[in-house]
Amino acid sequence: MIDTHAHIYLPAFKKDLDHVLDKASSAGVTDICMPAIDAQSLNQMKSVSHPAIRFHKMAGLHPCEVNHRLPDLRSMLEPLLNEEEFIAVGETGLDYYWSKDHIKEQKESFEVQLEMAKAFQKPIVIHNRNSTEDMLALVEKHQDGRLSGVWHCFNGT
């Protein structure tokens, strides 16, 4: 079994992480994919290990972490996406549930990450919450046959 989306590197999970990973391994989990949230989470992923589980990292900026000071995503993500251990771009997308303060910046961030996924031939992990119309428009705009991935979060019909 593969857990395709786990933020197990976060400090909140550190207390019983070894126990959780042992139980996961005993249940047949062989691989865990870890999506990024922000630059700090990229470093936190390095501390997760288990002898019977392979961990796969993703590099991206979560839409809830986007604000008026959008980082230079290309310079943050490019060196990581050149590494084999980073298997996807994500998680990224649009989230209008918690706040609509930075919609323009979320769209800009998402578009940069869509382009990077294509350039580095990596799948993209999409987070979509209360933003389906805008999300579909951006995916359609960037889809040229090279874009692939999964929709991790979706609330719609």
N, C-alpha and C. Protein backbone atom coordinates (compact mmCIF):
# COMPACT_ATOMS: atom_id res chain seq x y z
N MET A 1 0.84 -1.18 0.00
CA MET A 1 0.00 0.00 0.00
C MET A 1 0.88 1.24 0.00
N ILE A 2 0.33 2.27 -0.62
CA ILE A 2 1.02 3.55 -0.70
C ILE A 2 0.12 4.63 -0.14
N ASP A 3 0.63 5.40 0.81
CA ASP A 3 -0.07 6.58 1.30
C ASP A 3 0.34 7.71 0.37
N THR A 4 -0.58 8.23 -0.40
CA THR A 4 -0.25 9.20 -1.44
C THR A 4 -0.18 10.63 -0.95
N HIS A 5 -0.53 10.88 0.32
CA HIS A 5 -0.54 12.27 0.79
C HIS A 5 -0.50 12.31 2.31
N ALA A 6 0.68 12.52 2.86
CA ALA A 6 0.81 12.56 4.32
C ALA A 6 1.81 13.64 4.73
N HIS A 7 1.35 14.53 5.60
CA HIS A 7 2.21 15.60 6.14
C HIS A 7 2.82 15.12 7.47
N ILE A 8 3.30 13.91 7.50
CA ILE A 8 3.78 13.31 8.74
C ILE A 8 5.06 13.93 9.28
N TYR A 9 5.70 14.78 8.51
CA TYR A 9 6.92 15.45 8.94
C TYR A 9 6.65 16.64 9.86
N LEU A 10 5.40 17.05 10.00
CA LEU A 10 5.08 18.22 10.82
C LEU A 10 5.36 17.94 12.30
N PRO A 11 5.79 18.96 13.03
CA PRO A 11 6.12 18.77 14.46
C PRO A 11 4.98 18.18 15.28
N ALA A 12 3.75 18.45 14.92
CA ALA A 12 2.60 17.92 15.68
C ALA A 12 2.58 16.39 15.70
N PHE A 13 3.22 15.75 14.73
CA PHE A 13 3.21 14.29 14.64
C PHE A 13 4.48 13.65 15.20
N LYS A 14 5.42 14.44 15.63
CA LYS A 14 6.72 13.92 16.04
C LYS A 14 6.65 13.00 17.27
N LYS A 15 5.77 13.31 18.21
CA LYS A 15 5.70 12.58 19.47
C LYS A 15 5.53 11.07 19.28
N ASP A 16 4.65 10.66 18.40
CA ASP A 16 4.40 9.23 18.22
C ASP A 16 4.68 8.76 16.79
N LEU A 17 5.52 9.48 16.07
CA LEU A 17 5.78 9.16 14.67
C LEU A 17 6.36 7.76 14.49
N ASP A 18 7.31 7.37 15.31
CA ASP A 18 7.91 6.04 15.16
C ASP A 18 6.85 4.95 15.32
N HIS A 19 5.98 5.11 16.30
CA HIS A 19 4.91 4.14 16.53
C HIS A 19 3.95 4.08 15.33
N VAL A 20 3.58 5.25 14.82
CA VAL A 20 2.67 5.32 13.68
C VAL A 20 3.30 4.65 12.46
N LEU A 21 4.58 4.91 12.23
CA LEU A 21 5.25 4.31 11.07
C LEU A 21 5.40 2.80 11.23
N ASP A 22 5.66 2.34 12.44
CA ASP A 22 5.71 0.90 12.68
C ASP A 22 4.36 0.24 12.37
N LYS A 23 3.27 0.88 12.84
CA LYS A 23 1.93 0.35 12.58
C LYS A 23 1.62 0.37 11.09
N ALA A 24 2.01 1.45 10.43
CA ALA A 24 1.76 1.54 8.98
C ALA A 24 2.50 0.43 8.25
N SER A 25 3.74 0.22 8.62
CA SER A 25 4.53 -0.84 7.99
C SER A 25 3.91 -2.21 8.24
N SER A 26 3.49 -2.46 9.46
CA SER A 26 2.85 -3.73 9.79
C SER A 26 1.56 -3.94 9.01
N ALA A 27 0.88 -2.86 8.67
CA ALA A 27 -0.36 -2.95 7.91
C ALA A 27 -0.11 -3.08 6.41
N GLY A 28 1.15 -3.00 5.99
CA GLY A 28 1.47 -3.18 4.59
C GLY A 28 1.84 -1.92 3.82
N VAL A 29 1.95 -0.79 4.51
CA VAL A 29 2.36 0.44 3.84
C VAL A 29 3.84 0.33 3.50
N THR A 30 4.17 0.51 2.23
CA THR A 30 5.56 0.42 1.79
C THR A 30 6.13 1.78 1.38
N ASP A 31 5.23 2.71 1.02
CA ASP A 31 5.66 4.01 0.52
C ASP A 31 4.74 5.09 1.06
N ILE A 32 5.32 6.26 1.35
CA ILE A 32 4.55 7.42 1.79
C ILE A 32 5.02 8.63 0.99
N CYS A 33 4.07 9.31 0.35
CA CYS A 33 4.36 10.53 -0.41
C CYS A 33 4.08 11.73 0.49
N MET A 34 5.07 12.63 0.57
CA MET A 34 4.97 13.78 1.47
C MET A 34 4.94 15.08 0.67
N PRO A 35 3.78 15.73 0.61
CA PRO A 35 3.69 17.00 -0.08
C PRO A 35 4.23 18.13 0.80
N ALA A 36 4.82 19.12 0.14
CA ALA A 36 5.32 20.29 0.86
C ALA A 36 4.18 21.25 1.16
N ILE A 37 4.42 22.10 2.14
CA ILE A 37 3.50 23.17 2.48
C ILE A 37 4.16 24.51 2.17
N ASP A 38 5.44 24.61 2.57
CA ASP A 38 6.21 25.84 2.38
C ASP A 38 7.69 25.48 2.42
N ALA A 39 8.56 26.49 2.42
CA ALA A 39 10.01 26.23 2.41
C ALA A 39 10.45 25.49 3.67
N GLN A 40 9.88 25.83 4.81
CA GLN A 40 10.25 25.17 6.06
C GLN A 40 9.92 23.68 6.03
N SER A 41 8.80 23.32 5.45
CA SER A 41 8.40 21.91 5.41
C SER A 41 9.37 21.08 4.57
N LEU A 42 10.00 21.72 3.60
CA LEU A 42 10.98 20.99 2.77
C LEU A 42 12.13 20.48 3.63
N ASN A 43 12.53 21.26 4.62
CA ASN A 43 13.58 20.82 5.55
C ASN A 43 13.06 19.79 6.53
N GLN A 44 11.82 19.94 6.97
CA GLN A 44 11.25 19.02 7.95
C GLN A 44 11.13 17.60 7.39
N MET A 45 10.93 17.48 6.08
CA MET A 45 10.80 16.16 5.46
C MET A 45 12.05 15.31 5.63
N LYS A 46 13.19 15.96 5.73
CA LYS A 46 14.47 15.24 5.81
C LYS A 46 14.58 14.38 7.07
N SER A 47 13.83 14.73 8.11
CA SER A 47 13.97 14.02 9.38
C SER A 47 13.14 12.74 9.46
N VAL A 48 12.30 12.47 8.48
CA VAL A 48 11.42 11.30 8.53
C VAL A 48 12.13 10.10 7.91
N SER A 49 12.17 9.01 8.67
CA SER A 49 12.76 7.78 8.14
C SER A 49 12.17 6.56 8.85
N HIS A 50 12.26 5.46 8.17
CA HIS A 50 11.81 4.17 8.72
C HIS A 50 12.47 3.10 7.87
N PRO A 51 12.95 2.03 8.49
CA PRO A 51 13.67 1.01 7.72
C PRO A 51 12.83 0.26 6.68
N ALA A 52 11.50 0.21 6.86
CA ALA A 52 10.67 -0.58 5.95
C ALA A 52 9.79 0.28 5.04
N ILE A 53 9.92 1.60 5.11
CA ILE A 53 9.06 2.48 4.32
C ILE A 53 9.93 3.42 3.49
N ARG A 54 9.55 3.55 2.21
CA ARG A 54 10.22 4.53 1.35
C ARG A 54 9.41 5.83 1.39
N PHE A 55 10.11 6.94 1.49
CA PHE A 55 9.46 8.25 1.55
C PHE A 55 9.75 9.01 0.27
N HIS A 56 8.72 9.62 -0.28
CA HIS A 56 8.82 10.35 -1.54
C HIS A 56 8.42 11.80 -1.28
N LYS A 57 9.30 12.70 -1.59
CA LYS A 57 9.08 14.12 -1.31
C LYS A 57 8.47 14.83 -2.51
N MET A 58 7.68 15.85 -2.19
CA MET A 58 7.14 16.75 -3.21
C MET A 58 7.59 18.16 -2.85
N ALA A 59 7.74 19.00 -3.85
CA ALA A 59 8.15 20.38 -3.63
C ALA A 59 7.08 21.32 -4.17
N GLY A 60 6.59 22.20 -3.31
CA GLY A 60 5.57 23.14 -3.73
C GLY A 60 5.23 24.13 -2.64
N LEU A 61 4.28 25.00 -2.95
CA LEU A 61 3.79 25.98 -1.99
C LEU A 61 2.27 25.85 -1.90
N HIS A 62 1.80 25.49 -0.72
CA HIS A 62 0.37 25.31 -0.46
C HIS A 62 -0.34 26.65 -0.62
N PRO A 63 -1.55 26.64 -1.20
CA PRO A 63 -2.24 27.92 -1.41
C PRO A 63 -2.54 28.70 -0.13
N CYS A 64 -2.72 28.02 0.98
CA CYS A 64 -2.99 28.73 2.23
C CYS A 64 -1.75 29.43 2.79
N GLU A 65 -0.59 29.13 2.22
CA GLU A 65 0.65 29.79 2.64
C GLU A 65 1.00 30.98 1.75
N VAL A 66 0.21 31.20 0.72
CA VAL A 66 0.45 32.32 -0.19
C VAL A 66 -0.12 33.59 0.44
N ASN A 67 0.69 34.63 0.46
CA ASN A 67 0.21 35.93 0.92
C ASN A 67 0.72 37.01 -0.01
N HIS A 68 0.69 38.24 0.42
CA HIS A 68 1.10 39.34 -0.45
C HIS A 68 2.60 39.33 -0.77
N ARG A 69 3.39 38.59 0.00
CA ARG A 69 4.83 38.48 -0.25
C ARG A 69 5.13 37.12 -0.87
N LEU A 70 4.71 36.94 -2.08
CA LEU A 70 4.92 35.67 -2.78
C LEU A 70 6.42 35.45 -2.99
N PRO A 71 6.95 34.33 -2.53
CA PRO A 71 8.39 34.08 -2.72
C PRO A 71 8.71 33.81 -4.18
N ASP A 72 9.98 33.85 -4.50
CA ASP A 72 10.41 33.50 -5.85
C ASP A 72 10.36 31.98 -5.96
N LEU A 73 9.23 31.50 -6.41
CA LEU A 73 8.99 30.05 -6.44
C LEU A 73 9.97 29.33 -7.35
N ARG A 74 10.30 29.94 -8.46
CA ARG A 74 11.22 29.27 -9.39
C ARG A 74 12.57 28.99 -8.72
N SER A 75 13.12 29.98 -8.04
CA SER A 75 14.42 29.76 -7.41
C SER A 75 14.32 28.84 -6.20
N MET A 76 13.15 28.79 -5.55
CA MET A 76 12.96 27.91 -4.40
C MET A 76 12.80 26.45 -4.85
N LEU A 77 12.05 26.24 -5.94
CA LEU A 77 11.69 24.88 -6.34
C LEU A 77 12.62 24.25 -7.37
N GLU A 78 13.21 25.05 -8.23
CA GLU A 78 14.02 24.51 -9.32
C GLU A 78 15.12 23.56 -8.86
N PRO A 79 15.94 23.92 -7.87
CA PRO A 79 16.99 22.97 -7.48
C PRO A 79 16.43 21.66 -6.93
N LEU A 80 15.28 21.73 -6.28
CA LEU A 80 14.68 20.52 -5.72
C LEU A 80 14.10 19.62 -6.81
N LEU A 81 13.44 20.23 -7.76
CA LEU A 81 12.79 19.44 -8.82
C LEU A 81 13.81 18.79 -9.75
N ASN A 82 15.04 19.23 -9.69
CA ASN A 82 16.11 18.58 -10.44
C ASN A 82 16.58 17.30 -9.76
N GLU A 83 16.20 17.12 -8.49
CA GLU A 83 16.61 15.94 -7.73
C GLU A 83 15.59 14.82 -7.90
N GLU A 84 16.08 13.60 -8.00
CA GLU A 84 15.19 12.44 -8.16
C GLU A 84 14.27 12.22 -6.98
N GLU A 85 14.74 12.57 -5.78
CA GLU A 85 13.93 12.29 -4.59
C GLU A 85 12.65 13.11 -4.53
N PHE A 86 12.56 14.18 -5.32
CA PHE A 86 11.33 14.96 -5.38
C PHE A 86 10.52 14.48 -6.57
N ILE A 87 9.41 13.81 -6.27
CA ILE A 87 8.66 13.09 -7.30
C ILE A 87 7.54 13.90 -7.94
N ALA A 88 7.17 15.04 -7.33
CA ALA A 88 6.03 15.80 -7.83
C ALA A 88 6.13 17.25 -7.37
N VAL A 89 5.28 18.08 -7.99
CA VAL A 89 5.12 19.47 -7.56
C VAL A 89 3.86 19.51 -6.71
N GLY A 90 4.00 19.95 -5.47
CA GLY A 90 2.81 20.04 -4.63
C GLY A 90 3.12 20.06 -3.16
N GLU A 91 2.21 20.39 -2.37
CA GLU A 91 0.90 20.53 -2.97
C GLU A 91 0.65 22.00 -3.27
N THR A 92 -0.11 22.22 -4.29
CA THR A 92 -0.38 23.58 -4.76
C THR A 92 -1.83 23.66 -5.20
N GLY A 93 -2.26 24.83 -5.55
CA GLY A 93 -3.63 25.00 -6.03
C GLY A 93 -4.25 26.29 -5.56
N LEU A 94 -5.56 26.22 -5.31
CA LEU A 94 -6.32 27.39 -4.86
C LEU A 94 -7.18 26.99 -3.68
N ASP A 95 -7.29 27.88 -2.70
CA ASP A 95 -8.13 27.63 -1.53
C ASP A 95 -8.80 28.93 -1.13
N TYR A 96 -10.10 29.03 -1.40
CA TYR A 96 -10.86 30.23 -1.05
C TYR A 96 -11.70 29.99 0.21
N TYR A 97 -11.52 28.87 0.85
CA TYR A 97 -12.31 28.53 2.04
C TYR A 97 -11.91 29.38 3.24
N TRP A 98 -10.63 29.42 3.54
CA TRP A 98 -10.16 30.13 4.73
C TRP A 98 -10.09 31.63 4.54
N SER A 99 -9.73 32.06 3.33
CA SER A 99 -9.57 33.49 3.08
C SER A 99 -9.60 33.76 1.58
N LYS A 100 -10.13 34.91 1.23
CA LYS A 100 -10.13 35.36 -0.16
C LYS A 100 -9.24 36.59 -0.32
N ASP A 101 -8.36 36.80 0.64
CA ASP A 101 -7.51 37.99 0.65
C ASP A 101 -6.43 37.96 -0.43
N HIS A 102 -5.96 36.79 -0.82
CA HIS A 102 -4.81 36.70 -1.72
C HIS A 102 -5.11 35.83 -2.94
N ILE A 103 -6.28 35.99 -3.51
CA ILE A 103 -6.67 35.17 -4.66
C ILE A 103 -5.72 35.40 -5.84
N LYS A 104 -5.40 36.64 -6.12
CA LYS A 104 -4.50 36.95 -7.24
C LYS A 104 -3.15 36.24 -7.05
N GLU A 105 -2.61 36.30 -5.84
CA GLU A 105 -1.32 35.68 -5.55
C GLU A 105 -1.41 34.16 -5.60
N GLN A 106 -2.53 33.59 -5.14
CA GLN A 106 -2.71 32.14 -5.22
C GLN A 106 -2.72 31.69 -6.67
N LYS A 107 -3.41 32.42 -7.51
CA LYS A 107 -3.46 32.06 -8.93
C LYS A 107 -2.06 32.15 -9.54
N GLU A 108 -1.34 33.21 -9.22
CA GLU A 108 0.02 33.37 -9.75
C GLU A 108 0.92 32.21 -9.29
N SER A 109 0.84 31.87 -8.02
CA SER A 109 1.63 30.77 -7.47
C SER A 109 1.28 29.46 -8.17
N PHE A 110 0.01 29.20 -8.32
CA PHE A 110 -0.45 27.97 -8.96
C PHE A 110 0.04 27.89 -10.41
N GLU A 111 -0.06 28.99 -11.14
CA GLU A 111 0.38 28.99 -12.53
C GLU A 111 1.88 28.73 -12.65
N VAL A 112 2.67 29.32 -11.78
CA VAL A 112 4.12 29.07 -11.79
C VAL A 112 4.37 27.58 -11.56
N GLN A 113 3.66 26.99 -10.60
CA GLN A 113 3.88 25.59 -10.27
C GLN A 113 3.37 24.65 -11.37
N LEU A 114 2.30 25.04 -12.05
CA LEU A 114 1.84 24.25 -13.21
C LEU A 114 2.91 24.23 -14.29
N GLU A 115 3.48 25.38 -14.56
CA GLU A 115 4.53 25.47 -15.58
C GLU A 115 5.78 24.68 -15.18
N MET A 116 6.13 24.74 -13.90
CA MET A 116 7.31 24.00 -13.43
C MET A 116 7.08 22.49 -13.51
N ALA A 117 5.86 22.06 -13.21
CA ALA A 117 5.55 20.63 -13.31
C ALA A 117 5.77 20.14 -14.74
N LYS A 118 5.33 20.92 -15.69
CA LYS A 118 5.54 20.54 -17.09
C LYS A 118 7.01 20.59 -17.46
N ALA A 119 7.70 21.64 -17.06
CA ALA A 119 9.11 21.80 -17.43
C ALA A 119 9.97 20.68 -16.87
N PHE A 120 9.65 20.21 -15.66
CA PHE A 120 10.45 19.16 -15.02
C PHE A 120 9.84 17.77 -15.19
N GLN A 121 8.77 17.69 -15.94
CA GLN A 121 8.09 16.43 -16.20
C GLN A 121 7.73 15.70 -14.92
N LYS A 122 7.11 16.45 -14.00
CA LYS A 122 6.67 15.89 -12.72
C LYS A 122 5.16 16.05 -12.63
N PRO A 123 4.48 15.10 -12.01
CA PRO A 123 3.04 15.28 -11.78
C PRO A 123 2.82 16.40 -10.77
N ILE A 124 1.60 16.93 -10.78
CA ILE A 124 1.26 18.00 -9.85
C ILE A 124 0.16 17.51 -8.91
N VAL A 125 0.24 17.90 -7.65
CA VAL A 125 -0.75 17.53 -6.65
C VAL A 125 -1.57 18.78 -6.35
N ILE A 126 -2.84 18.74 -6.73
CA ILE A 126 -3.70 19.92 -6.69
C ILE A 126 -4.60 19.93 -5.46
N HIS A 127 -4.58 21.06 -4.79
CA HIS A 127 -5.45 21.34 -3.65
C HIS A 127 -6.49 22.34 -4.14
N ASN A 128 -7.76 21.99 -4.02
CA ASN A 128 -8.85 22.84 -4.52
C ASN A 128 -9.94 22.92 -3.48
N ARG A 129 -10.17 24.09 -2.96
CA ARG A 129 -11.23 24.24 -1.96
C ARG A 129 -12.00 25.53 -2.25
N ASN A 130 -13.27 25.37 -2.58
CA ASN A 130 -14.16 26.48 -2.90
C ASN A 130 -13.61 27.34 -4.04
N SER A 131 -12.93 26.70 -4.98
CA SER A 131 -12.29 27.45 -6.07
C SER A 131 -12.36 26.69 -7.40
N THR A 132 -13.31 25.82 -7.54
CA THR A 132 -13.35 24.90 -8.67
C THR A 132 -13.36 25.60 -10.02
N GLU A 133 -14.16 26.63 -10.19
CA GLU A 133 -14.25 27.31 -11.48
C GLU A 133 -12.90 27.91 -11.87
N ASP A 134 -12.27 28.62 -10.96
CA ASP A 134 -10.95 29.20 -11.24
C ASP A 134 -9.91 28.11 -11.45
N MET A 135 -9.98 27.05 -10.66
CA MET A 135 -9.03 25.95 -10.76
C MET A 135 -9.10 25.30 -12.14
N LEU A 136 -10.30 24.98 -12.57
CA LEU A 136 -10.46 24.34 -13.87
C LEU A 136 -9.99 25.25 -15.00
N ALA A 137 -10.27 26.54 -14.89
CA ALA A 137 -9.84 27.49 -15.93
C ALA A 137 -8.31 27.52 -16.04
N LEU A 138 -7.62 27.51 -14.91
CA LEU A 138 -6.15 27.55 -14.94
C LEU A 138 -5.55 26.24 -15.43
N VAL A 139 -6.12 25.13 -15.01
CA VAL A 139 -5.62 23.83 -15.48
C VAL A 139 -5.82 23.74 -16.99
N GLU A 140 -7.00 24.13 -17.45
CA GLU A 140 -7.28 24.09 -18.89
C GLU A 140 -6.33 25.00 -19.66
N LYS A 141 -6.07 26.18 -19.13
CA LYS A 141 -5.17 27.14 -19.78
C LYS A 141 -3.76 26.55 -19.95
N HIS A 142 -3.31 25.79 -18.96
CA HIS A 142 -1.93 25.27 -18.97
C HIS A 142 -1.81 23.85 -19.53
N GLN A 143 -2.93 23.19 -19.77
CA GLN A 143 -2.86 21.82 -20.25
C GLN A 143 -2.52 21.80 -21.73
N ASP A 144 -1.36 21.29 -22.02
CA ASP A 144 -0.92 21.15 -23.42
C ASP A 144 -0.49 19.71 -23.71
N GLY A 145 -0.96 18.80 -22.88
CA GLY A 145 -0.60 17.39 -23.04
C GLY A 145 0.54 16.96 -22.14
N ARG A 146 1.23 17.92 -21.52
CA ARG A 146 2.36 17.59 -20.66
C ARG A 146 2.01 17.64 -19.18
N LEU A 147 0.83 18.09 -18.85
CA LEU A 147 0.44 18.25 -17.45
C LEU A 147 -0.29 17.00 -16.96
N SER A 148 0.20 16.44 -15.86
CA SER A 148 -0.45 15.28 -15.25
C SER A 148 -0.43 15.45 -13.74
N GLY A 149 -1.21 14.65 -13.05
CA GLY A 149 -1.19 14.72 -11.60
C GLY A 149 -2.48 14.23 -10.99
N VAL A 150 -2.69 14.62 -9.73
CA VAL A 150 -3.87 14.21 -8.97
C VAL A 150 -4.50 15.43 -8.28
N TRP A 151 -5.80 15.31 -8.05
CA TRP A 151 -6.51 16.30 -7.27
C TRP A 151 -6.61 15.75 -5.86
N HIS A 152 -5.86 16.33 -4.96
CA HIS A 152 -5.84 15.85 -3.58
C HIS A 152 -7.05 16.32 -2.80
N CYS A 153 -7.39 17.56 -2.93
CA CYS A 153 -8.49 18.14 -2.16
C CYS A 153 -9.51 18.68 -3.14
N PHE A 154 -10.77 18.31 -2.94
CA PHE A 154 -11.81 18.76 -3.86
C PHE A 154 -13.12 18.79 -3.10
N ASN A 155 -13.82 19.91 -3.21
CA ASN A 155 -15.17 19.95 -2.65
C ASN A 155 -16.07 20.54 -3.73
N GLY A 156 -16.80 19.70 -4.35
CA GLY A 156 -17.69 20.13 -5.43
C GLY A 156 -18.57 18.98 -5.85
N THR A 157 -19.17 19.14 -7.00
CA THR A 157 -20.05 18.10 -7.49
C THR A 157 -19.36 17.27 -8.55
